[in-house]
N, C-alpha and C. Protein backbone atom coordinates (compact mmCIF):
# COMPACT_ATOMS: atom_id res chain seq x y z
N MET A 1 -57.30 -47.23 -0.13
CA MET A 1 -57.46 -48.14 -1.25
C MET A 1 -57.56 -47.37 -2.57
N LYS A 2 -58.33 -46.26 -2.53
CA LYS A 2 -58.50 -45.45 -3.73
C LYS A 2 -57.16 -44.85 -4.17
N LYS A 3 -56.34 -44.42 -3.19
CA LYS A 3 -55.04 -43.85 -3.51
C LYS A 3 -54.13 -44.90 -4.14
N ILE A 4 -54.16 -46.10 -3.60
CA ILE A 4 -53.32 -47.18 -4.14
C ILE A 4 -53.72 -47.48 -5.58
N PHE A 5 -55.03 -47.56 -5.85
CA PHE A 5 -55.49 -47.81 -7.21
C PHE A 5 -55.04 -46.70 -8.15
N SER A 6 -55.15 -45.45 -7.71
CA SER A 6 -54.74 -44.31 -8.54
C SER A 6 -53.25 -44.37 -8.85
N ILE A 7 -52.45 -44.71 -7.85
CA ILE A 7 -51.01 -44.82 -8.07
C ILE A 7 -50.69 -45.94 -9.05
N LEU A 8 -51.35 -47.09 -8.89
CA LEU A 8 -51.13 -48.21 -9.81
C LEU A 8 -51.55 -47.84 -11.23
N LEU A 9 -52.65 -47.13 -11.36
CA LEU A 9 -53.11 -46.71 -12.68
C LEU A 9 -52.11 -45.76 -13.32
N LEU A 10 -51.57 -44.83 -12.54
CA LEU A 10 -50.57 -43.91 -13.07
C LEU A 10 -49.31 -44.67 -13.48
N MET A 11 -48.91 -45.64 -12.68
CA MET A 11 -47.73 -46.43 -13.03
C MET A 11 -47.96 -47.20 -14.33
N ALA A 12 -49.16 -47.74 -14.50
CA ALA A 12 -49.48 -48.46 -15.74
C ALA A 12 -49.43 -47.52 -16.93
N THR A 13 -49.83 -46.28 -16.72
CA THR A 13 -49.80 -45.29 -17.79
C THR A 13 -48.39 -45.09 -18.30
N PHE A 14 -47.41 -45.08 -17.39
CA PHE A 14 -46.04 -44.83 -17.80
C PHE A 14 -45.41 -46.02 -18.51
N ALA A 15 -46.06 -47.17 -18.49
CA ALA A 15 -45.57 -48.33 -19.22
C ALA A 15 -45.73 -48.15 -20.73
N PHE A 16 -46.54 -47.21 -21.12
CA PHE A 16 -46.74 -46.89 -22.53
C PHE A 16 -45.74 -45.82 -22.94
N SER A 17 -45.31 -45.84 -24.21
CA SER A 17 -44.50 -44.73 -24.69
C SER A 17 -45.41 -43.53 -24.86
N ALA A 18 -44.83 -42.39 -25.15
CA ALA A 18 -45.62 -41.15 -25.26
C ALA A 18 -46.72 -41.26 -26.31
N ASP A 19 -46.48 -42.02 -27.38
CA ASP A 19 -47.46 -42.13 -28.45
C ASP A 19 -48.44 -43.28 -28.28
N ASP A 20 -48.11 -44.24 -27.44
CA ASP A 20 -48.96 -45.42 -27.26
C ASP A 20 -50.12 -45.08 -26.34
N ILE A 21 -51.33 -45.43 -26.78
CA ILE A 21 -52.52 -45.09 -26.00
C ILE A 21 -53.31 -46.31 -25.54
N ALA A 22 -53.01 -47.47 -26.12
CA ALA A 22 -53.77 -48.68 -25.79
C ALA A 22 -52.94 -49.90 -26.15
N ILE A 23 -53.35 -51.03 -25.58
CA ILE A 23 -52.69 -52.30 -25.88
C ILE A 23 -53.76 -53.32 -26.28
N ILE A 24 -53.42 -54.16 -27.24
CA ILE A 24 -54.35 -55.19 -27.70
C ILE A 24 -54.25 -56.39 -26.76
N LYS A 25 -55.39 -56.78 -26.21
CA LYS A 25 -55.43 -57.88 -25.25
C LYS A 25 -56.09 -59.14 -25.81
N MET A 26 -56.90 -59.01 -26.87
CA MET A 26 -57.60 -60.16 -27.43
C MET A 26 -57.74 -59.97 -28.93
N ILE A 27 -57.53 -61.06 -29.65
CA ILE A 27 -57.71 -61.02 -31.11
C ILE A 27 -58.37 -62.32 -31.54
N GLU A 28 -59.28 -62.18 -32.48
CA GLU A 28 -59.88 -63.33 -33.14
C GLU A 28 -59.80 -63.02 -34.63
N GLY A 29 -59.33 -63.94 -35.43
CA GLY A 29 -59.21 -63.69 -36.86
C GLY A 29 -57.99 -62.83 -37.16
N SER A 30 -58.13 -61.95 -38.17
CA SER A 30 -57.01 -61.14 -38.64
C SER A 30 -57.35 -59.66 -38.73
N PRO A 31 -57.55 -58.98 -37.60
CA PRO A 31 -57.83 -57.54 -37.67
C PRO A 31 -56.59 -56.77 -38.11
N GLN A 32 -56.84 -55.59 -38.64
CA GLN A 32 -55.76 -54.73 -39.13
C GLN A 32 -55.96 -53.32 -38.60
N ALA A 33 -54.89 -52.53 -38.72
CA ALA A 33 -54.97 -51.10 -38.41
C ALA A 33 -54.37 -50.33 -39.57
N LYS A 34 -55.02 -49.25 -39.91
CA LYS A 34 -54.45 -48.32 -40.88
C LYS A 34 -53.78 -47.23 -40.06
N ARG A 35 -52.48 -47.08 -40.24
CA ARG A 35 -51.69 -46.08 -39.52
C ARG A 35 -51.01 -45.23 -40.58
N GLY A 36 -51.54 -44.03 -40.77
CA GLY A 36 -51.04 -43.20 -41.86
C GLY A 36 -51.41 -43.86 -43.17
N GLU A 37 -50.41 -44.11 -44.00
CA GLU A 37 -50.66 -44.76 -45.29
C GLU A 37 -50.45 -46.27 -45.23
N LYS A 38 -49.96 -46.77 -44.09
CA LYS A 38 -49.66 -48.20 -43.98
C LYS A 38 -50.83 -48.95 -43.35
N VAL A 39 -51.04 -50.18 -43.81
CA VAL A 39 -51.99 -51.09 -43.18
C VAL A 39 -51.17 -52.20 -42.53
N ILE A 40 -51.39 -52.39 -41.22
CA ILE A 40 -50.61 -53.36 -40.48
C ILE A 40 -51.51 -54.43 -39.88
N SER A 41 -51.00 -55.65 -39.82
CA SER A 41 -51.71 -56.73 -39.13
C SER A 41 -51.52 -56.53 -37.63
N LEU A 42 -52.58 -56.80 -36.87
CA LEU A 42 -52.52 -56.60 -35.42
C LEU A 42 -52.35 -57.92 -34.69
N ASN A 43 -51.62 -57.87 -33.58
CA ASN A 43 -51.36 -59.04 -32.75
C ASN A 43 -51.55 -58.68 -31.28
N ILE A 44 -51.78 -59.68 -30.46
CA ILE A 44 -51.88 -59.44 -29.02
C ILE A 44 -50.58 -58.80 -28.54
N GLY A 45 -50.72 -57.77 -27.72
CA GLY A 45 -49.56 -57.06 -27.19
C GLY A 45 -49.16 -55.84 -28.00
N ASP A 46 -49.67 -55.71 -29.22
CA ASP A 46 -49.38 -54.51 -30.02
C ASP A 46 -49.97 -53.29 -29.35
N LYS A 47 -49.32 -52.15 -29.55
CA LYS A 47 -49.80 -50.88 -29.00
C LYS A 47 -50.51 -50.09 -30.11
N LEU A 48 -51.53 -49.35 -29.72
CA LEU A 48 -52.26 -48.49 -30.66
C LEU A 48 -51.92 -47.04 -30.39
N LYS A 49 -52.14 -46.20 -31.41
CA LYS A 49 -51.81 -44.78 -31.34
C LYS A 49 -53.02 -43.96 -31.78
N ASN A 50 -52.97 -42.66 -31.48
CA ASN A 50 -54.01 -41.76 -31.97
C ASN A 50 -54.08 -41.85 -33.49
N ASN A 51 -55.27 -41.74 -34.01
CA ASN A 51 -55.58 -41.78 -35.44
C ASN A 51 -55.44 -43.16 -36.08
N ASP A 52 -55.17 -44.19 -35.29
CA ASP A 52 -55.21 -45.55 -35.84
C ASP A 52 -56.65 -45.87 -36.21
N ILE A 53 -56.82 -46.49 -37.35
CA ILE A 53 -58.13 -46.94 -37.80
C ILE A 53 -58.13 -48.46 -37.72
N ILE A 54 -59.02 -49.00 -36.90
CA ILE A 54 -59.11 -50.45 -36.70
C ILE A 54 -60.10 -51.01 -37.71
N ILE A 55 -59.67 -52.04 -38.43
CA ILE A 55 -60.50 -52.66 -39.47
C ILE A 55 -60.62 -54.15 -39.15
N THR A 56 -61.86 -54.62 -39.03
CA THR A 56 -62.09 -56.05 -38.85
C THR A 56 -62.90 -56.58 -40.03
N ASN A 57 -62.66 -57.83 -40.38
CA ASN A 57 -63.45 -58.44 -41.45
C ASN A 57 -64.56 -59.28 -40.84
N SER A 58 -65.23 -60.07 -41.66
CA SER A 58 -66.40 -60.82 -41.19
C SER A 58 -66.06 -61.93 -40.19
N SER A 59 -64.78 -62.23 -40.03
CA SER A 59 -64.40 -63.29 -39.08
C SER A 59 -63.37 -62.81 -38.05
N SER A 60 -63.30 -61.50 -37.82
CA SER A 60 -62.32 -61.02 -36.84
C SER A 60 -62.94 -60.08 -35.82
N LYS A 61 -62.33 -60.07 -34.63
CA LYS A 61 -62.69 -59.19 -33.52
C LYS A 61 -61.40 -58.77 -32.84
N ILE A 62 -61.49 -57.73 -32.03
CA ILE A 62 -60.32 -57.27 -31.30
C ILE A 62 -60.75 -56.67 -29.96
N GLY A 63 -59.96 -56.93 -28.93
CA GLY A 63 -60.20 -56.36 -27.61
C GLY A 63 -59.02 -55.50 -27.21
N VAL A 64 -59.30 -54.29 -26.74
CA VAL A 64 -58.27 -53.29 -26.47
C VAL A 64 -58.47 -52.70 -25.08
N ILE A 65 -57.37 -52.45 -24.38
CA ILE A 65 -57.41 -51.73 -23.10
C ILE A 65 -56.63 -50.43 -23.28
N PHE A 66 -57.29 -49.30 -23.00
CA PHE A 66 -56.64 -47.99 -23.08
C PHE A 66 -55.91 -47.69 -21.78
N ASN A 67 -54.98 -46.75 -21.82
CA ASN A 67 -54.16 -46.52 -20.63
C ASN A 67 -54.88 -45.76 -19.52
N ASP A 68 -56.16 -45.49 -19.66
CA ASP A 68 -56.96 -44.98 -18.54
C ASP A 68 -57.82 -46.10 -17.94
N GLY A 69 -57.67 -47.32 -18.48
CA GLY A 69 -58.45 -48.46 -18.00
C GLY A 69 -59.72 -48.72 -18.79
N SER A 70 -60.04 -47.88 -19.77
CA SER A 70 -61.21 -48.12 -20.63
C SER A 70 -60.96 -49.37 -21.46
N SER A 71 -62.04 -50.10 -21.74
CA SER A 71 -61.91 -51.28 -22.61
C SER A 71 -62.84 -51.14 -23.80
N LEU A 72 -62.39 -51.67 -24.92
CA LEU A 72 -63.14 -51.58 -26.17
C LEU A 72 -63.02 -52.91 -26.89
N THR A 73 -64.16 -53.48 -27.26
CA THR A 73 -64.19 -54.67 -28.10
C THR A 73 -64.83 -54.27 -29.41
N ILE A 74 -64.12 -54.51 -30.49
CA ILE A 74 -64.61 -54.15 -31.82
C ILE A 74 -65.00 -55.45 -32.52
N GLY A 75 -66.26 -55.52 -32.95
CA GLY A 75 -66.79 -56.73 -33.54
C GLY A 75 -66.45 -56.90 -35.00
N GLU A 76 -67.06 -57.91 -35.59
CA GLU A 76 -66.82 -58.26 -36.99
C GLU A 76 -67.26 -57.14 -37.93
N SER A 77 -66.59 -57.08 -39.08
CA SER A 77 -66.94 -56.16 -40.17
C SER A 77 -67.08 -54.72 -39.68
N SER A 78 -66.09 -54.28 -38.92
CA SER A 78 -66.14 -52.93 -38.34
C SER A 78 -65.02 -52.05 -38.86
N PHE A 79 -65.26 -50.75 -38.73
CA PHE A 79 -64.30 -49.73 -39.15
C PHE A 79 -64.36 -48.64 -38.09
N LEU A 80 -63.34 -48.56 -37.22
CA LEU A 80 -63.35 -47.62 -36.10
C LEU A 80 -62.06 -46.81 -36.07
N ASN A 81 -62.21 -45.49 -35.96
CA ASN A 81 -61.08 -44.58 -35.90
C ASN A 81 -60.91 -44.09 -34.46
N ILE A 82 -59.71 -44.28 -33.92
CA ILE A 82 -59.38 -43.69 -32.61
C ILE A 82 -58.90 -42.27 -32.90
N GLU A 83 -59.83 -41.33 -32.93
CA GLU A 83 -59.49 -39.98 -33.35
C GLU A 83 -58.58 -39.25 -32.37
N LYS A 84 -58.90 -39.33 -31.08
CA LYS A 84 -58.10 -38.59 -30.10
C LYS A 84 -58.22 -39.25 -28.74
N PHE A 85 -57.09 -39.52 -28.13
CA PHE A 85 -57.06 -40.03 -26.77
C PHE A 85 -55.94 -39.32 -26.03
N GLU A 86 -56.30 -38.61 -24.98
CA GLU A 86 -55.33 -37.96 -24.11
C GLU A 86 -55.71 -38.26 -22.66
N PHE A 87 -54.78 -38.81 -21.93
CA PHE A 87 -54.99 -39.09 -20.51
C PHE A 87 -53.75 -38.64 -19.77
N LYS A 88 -53.82 -37.41 -19.27
CA LYS A 88 -52.70 -36.81 -18.55
C LYS A 88 -53.21 -36.27 -17.22
N PRO A 89 -53.41 -37.15 -16.23
CA PRO A 89 -54.02 -36.73 -14.97
C PRO A 89 -53.22 -35.66 -14.24
N ILE A 90 -51.90 -35.69 -14.33
CA ILE A 90 -51.08 -34.70 -13.64
C ILE A 90 -51.36 -33.30 -14.20
N GLU A 91 -51.63 -33.22 -15.51
CA GLU A 91 -51.92 -31.94 -16.15
C GLU A 91 -53.42 -31.66 -16.25
N ASP A 92 -54.24 -32.57 -15.73
CA ASP A 92 -55.70 -32.45 -15.79
C ASP A 92 -56.20 -32.36 -17.24
N ILE A 93 -55.63 -33.20 -18.11
CA ILE A 93 -56.03 -33.24 -19.52
C ILE A 93 -56.64 -34.61 -19.81
N TYR A 94 -57.90 -34.57 -20.26
CA TYR A 94 -58.64 -35.79 -20.56
C TYR A 94 -59.43 -35.59 -21.86
N LYS A 95 -59.22 -36.47 -22.83
CA LYS A 95 -59.95 -36.37 -24.10
C LYS A 95 -60.02 -37.76 -24.71
N PHE A 96 -61.22 -38.14 -25.15
CA PHE A 96 -61.41 -39.44 -25.78
C PHE A 96 -62.46 -39.29 -26.86
N SER A 97 -62.06 -39.47 -28.11
CA SER A 97 -62.98 -39.35 -29.23
C SER A 97 -62.77 -40.52 -30.19
N LEU A 98 -63.84 -41.26 -30.42
CA LEU A 98 -63.84 -42.39 -31.34
C LEU A 98 -64.83 -42.10 -32.47
N LYS A 99 -64.59 -42.72 -33.63
CA LYS A 99 -65.53 -42.61 -34.74
C LYS A 99 -65.77 -44.01 -35.29
N LEU A 100 -67.02 -44.47 -35.18
CA LEU A 100 -67.40 -45.78 -35.70
C LEU A 100 -68.17 -45.56 -36.99
N ASP A 101 -67.58 -45.96 -38.12
CA ASP A 101 -68.23 -45.80 -39.42
C ASP A 101 -69.12 -46.97 -39.77
N LYS A 102 -68.75 -48.17 -39.31
CA LYS A 102 -69.61 -49.34 -39.54
C LYS A 102 -69.22 -50.43 -38.56
N GLY A 103 -70.14 -51.37 -38.37
CA GLY A 103 -69.87 -52.50 -37.49
C GLY A 103 -70.41 -52.30 -36.10
N LYS A 104 -69.73 -52.94 -35.13
CA LYS A 104 -70.20 -52.82 -33.75
C LYS A 104 -69.02 -52.72 -32.80
N ALA A 105 -69.29 -52.05 -31.67
CA ALA A 105 -68.26 -51.86 -30.66
C ALA A 105 -68.91 -51.88 -29.28
N LEU A 106 -68.26 -52.56 -28.36
CA LEU A 106 -68.68 -52.60 -26.97
C LEU A 106 -67.63 -51.84 -26.17
N PHE A 107 -68.08 -50.86 -25.39
CA PHE A 107 -67.16 -49.98 -24.68
C PHE A 107 -67.48 -49.95 -23.20
N GLN A 108 -66.45 -49.99 -22.38
CA GLN A 108 -66.56 -49.81 -20.93
C GLN A 108 -65.63 -48.67 -20.56
N SER A 109 -66.21 -47.58 -20.05
CA SER A 109 -65.38 -46.41 -19.77
C SER A 109 -64.47 -46.63 -18.57
N GLY A 110 -63.35 -45.92 -18.59
CA GLY A 110 -62.36 -45.97 -17.52
C GLY A 110 -62.29 -44.64 -16.79
N LYS A 111 -61.07 -44.21 -16.50
CA LYS A 111 -60.87 -43.00 -15.71
C LYS A 111 -61.35 -41.73 -16.41
N ILE A 112 -61.21 -41.64 -17.73
CA ILE A 112 -61.69 -40.44 -18.42
C ILE A 112 -63.20 -40.31 -18.24
N GLY A 113 -63.92 -41.41 -18.39
CA GLY A 113 -65.37 -41.39 -18.18
C GLY A 113 -65.75 -41.01 -16.76
N GLU A 114 -64.91 -41.38 -15.81
CA GLU A 114 -65.17 -41.06 -14.40
C GLU A 114 -64.80 -39.63 -14.06
N LEU A 115 -63.62 -39.18 -14.51
CA LEU A 115 -63.10 -37.88 -14.11
C LEU A 115 -63.56 -36.73 -15.00
N SER A 116 -63.84 -37.02 -16.27
CA SER A 116 -64.19 -35.95 -17.21
C SER A 116 -65.16 -36.47 -18.27
N PRO A 117 -66.37 -36.87 -17.87
CA PRO A 117 -67.30 -37.50 -18.82
C PRO A 117 -67.68 -36.61 -20.00
N ASP A 118 -67.62 -35.31 -19.85
CA ASP A 118 -67.95 -34.42 -20.97
C ASP A 118 -66.91 -34.47 -22.09
N ASN A 119 -65.75 -35.05 -21.81
CA ASN A 119 -64.69 -35.10 -22.80
C ASN A 119 -64.59 -36.44 -23.52
N PHE A 120 -65.67 -37.22 -23.48
CA PHE A 120 -65.72 -38.47 -24.23
C PHE A 120 -66.84 -38.39 -25.25
N SER A 121 -66.54 -38.73 -26.50
CA SER A 121 -67.58 -38.75 -27.53
C SER A 121 -67.34 -39.90 -28.50
N LEU A 122 -68.44 -40.38 -29.04
CA LEU A 122 -68.42 -41.41 -30.07
C LEU A 122 -69.17 -40.85 -31.27
N LYS A 123 -68.46 -40.70 -32.37
CA LYS A 123 -69.08 -40.21 -33.60
C LYS A 123 -69.57 -41.40 -34.41
N VAL A 124 -70.75 -41.25 -34.98
CA VAL A 124 -71.35 -42.24 -35.87
C VAL A 124 -71.78 -41.49 -37.12
N PRO A 125 -72.08 -42.18 -38.22
CA PRO A 125 -72.41 -41.48 -39.46
C PRO A 125 -73.52 -40.43 -39.34
N ASP A 126 -74.48 -40.64 -38.45
CA ASP A 126 -75.60 -39.71 -38.35
C ASP A 126 -75.51 -38.73 -37.19
N GLY A 127 -74.37 -38.67 -36.50
CA GLY A 127 -74.27 -37.73 -35.39
C GLY A 127 -73.16 -38.09 -34.42
N ILE A 128 -73.27 -37.52 -33.21
CA ILE A 128 -72.30 -37.74 -32.15
C ILE A 128 -73.04 -38.19 -30.91
N ILE A 129 -72.51 -39.22 -30.26
CA ILE A 129 -73.10 -39.70 -29.02
C ILE A 129 -72.20 -39.24 -27.88
N GLY A 130 -72.75 -38.49 -26.94
CA GLY A 130 -72.01 -38.10 -25.75
C GLY A 130 -72.15 -39.19 -24.71
N ILE A 131 -71.06 -39.66 -24.17
CA ILE A 131 -71.07 -40.75 -23.21
C ILE A 131 -70.73 -40.19 -21.84
N ARG A 132 -71.47 -40.63 -20.85
CA ARG A 132 -71.27 -40.11 -19.50
C ARG A 132 -70.87 -41.22 -18.53
N GLY A 133 -69.81 -41.93 -18.86
CA GLY A 133 -69.25 -42.92 -17.96
C GLY A 133 -70.09 -44.15 -17.74
N THR A 134 -70.05 -45.08 -18.66
CA THR A 134 -70.86 -46.28 -18.54
C THR A 134 -70.35 -47.36 -19.47
N LYS A 135 -71.13 -48.41 -19.61
CA LYS A 135 -70.85 -49.49 -20.56
C LYS A 135 -71.94 -49.44 -21.62
N PHE A 136 -71.54 -49.54 -22.89
CA PHE A 136 -72.54 -49.48 -23.95
C PHE A 136 -72.09 -50.26 -25.17
N LEU A 137 -73.07 -50.63 -25.98
CA LEU A 137 -72.84 -51.34 -27.24
C LEU A 137 -73.45 -50.51 -28.35
N VAL A 138 -72.69 -50.31 -29.42
CA VAL A 138 -73.19 -49.59 -30.60
C VAL A 138 -73.07 -50.54 -31.78
N LYS A 139 -74.15 -50.66 -32.54
CA LYS A 139 -74.15 -51.52 -33.73
C LYS A 139 -74.70 -50.72 -34.90
N LEU A 140 -73.89 -50.63 -35.96
CA LEU A 140 -74.29 -49.92 -37.17
C LEU A 140 -74.36 -50.91 -38.33
N ASN A 141 -75.34 -50.71 -39.21
CA ASN A 141 -75.45 -51.57 -40.39
C ASN A 141 -74.83 -50.90 -41.58
């Protein structure tokens, strides 16, 4: 059963292009992403990339699934940077770094949290939180 799940997870990984790291599964309101110098409106099914900055206003939320199976819900009035996401199980490369400048985020770790928990971090204005494979909520004022 474990082998079948691993194979399915790897197959799901290949459904993403080389630059795509996550897919938007839920949207409420009008969240946006800053990608380079452009600000884009987000929709269900859109793919996210490294260094995308997710911006929600007071009436928007977004739910995201990363290609390692991690899930992230970003609440209202939030500003979150997906600094680095690498999930390359064949090469044994795992890296996940987020930066939450304001707002709130609910996170459920996936394969990176399970296989390489030391390589996941969440940066906040006053420091860095090391996550060791779990579900957590962070709320900043």
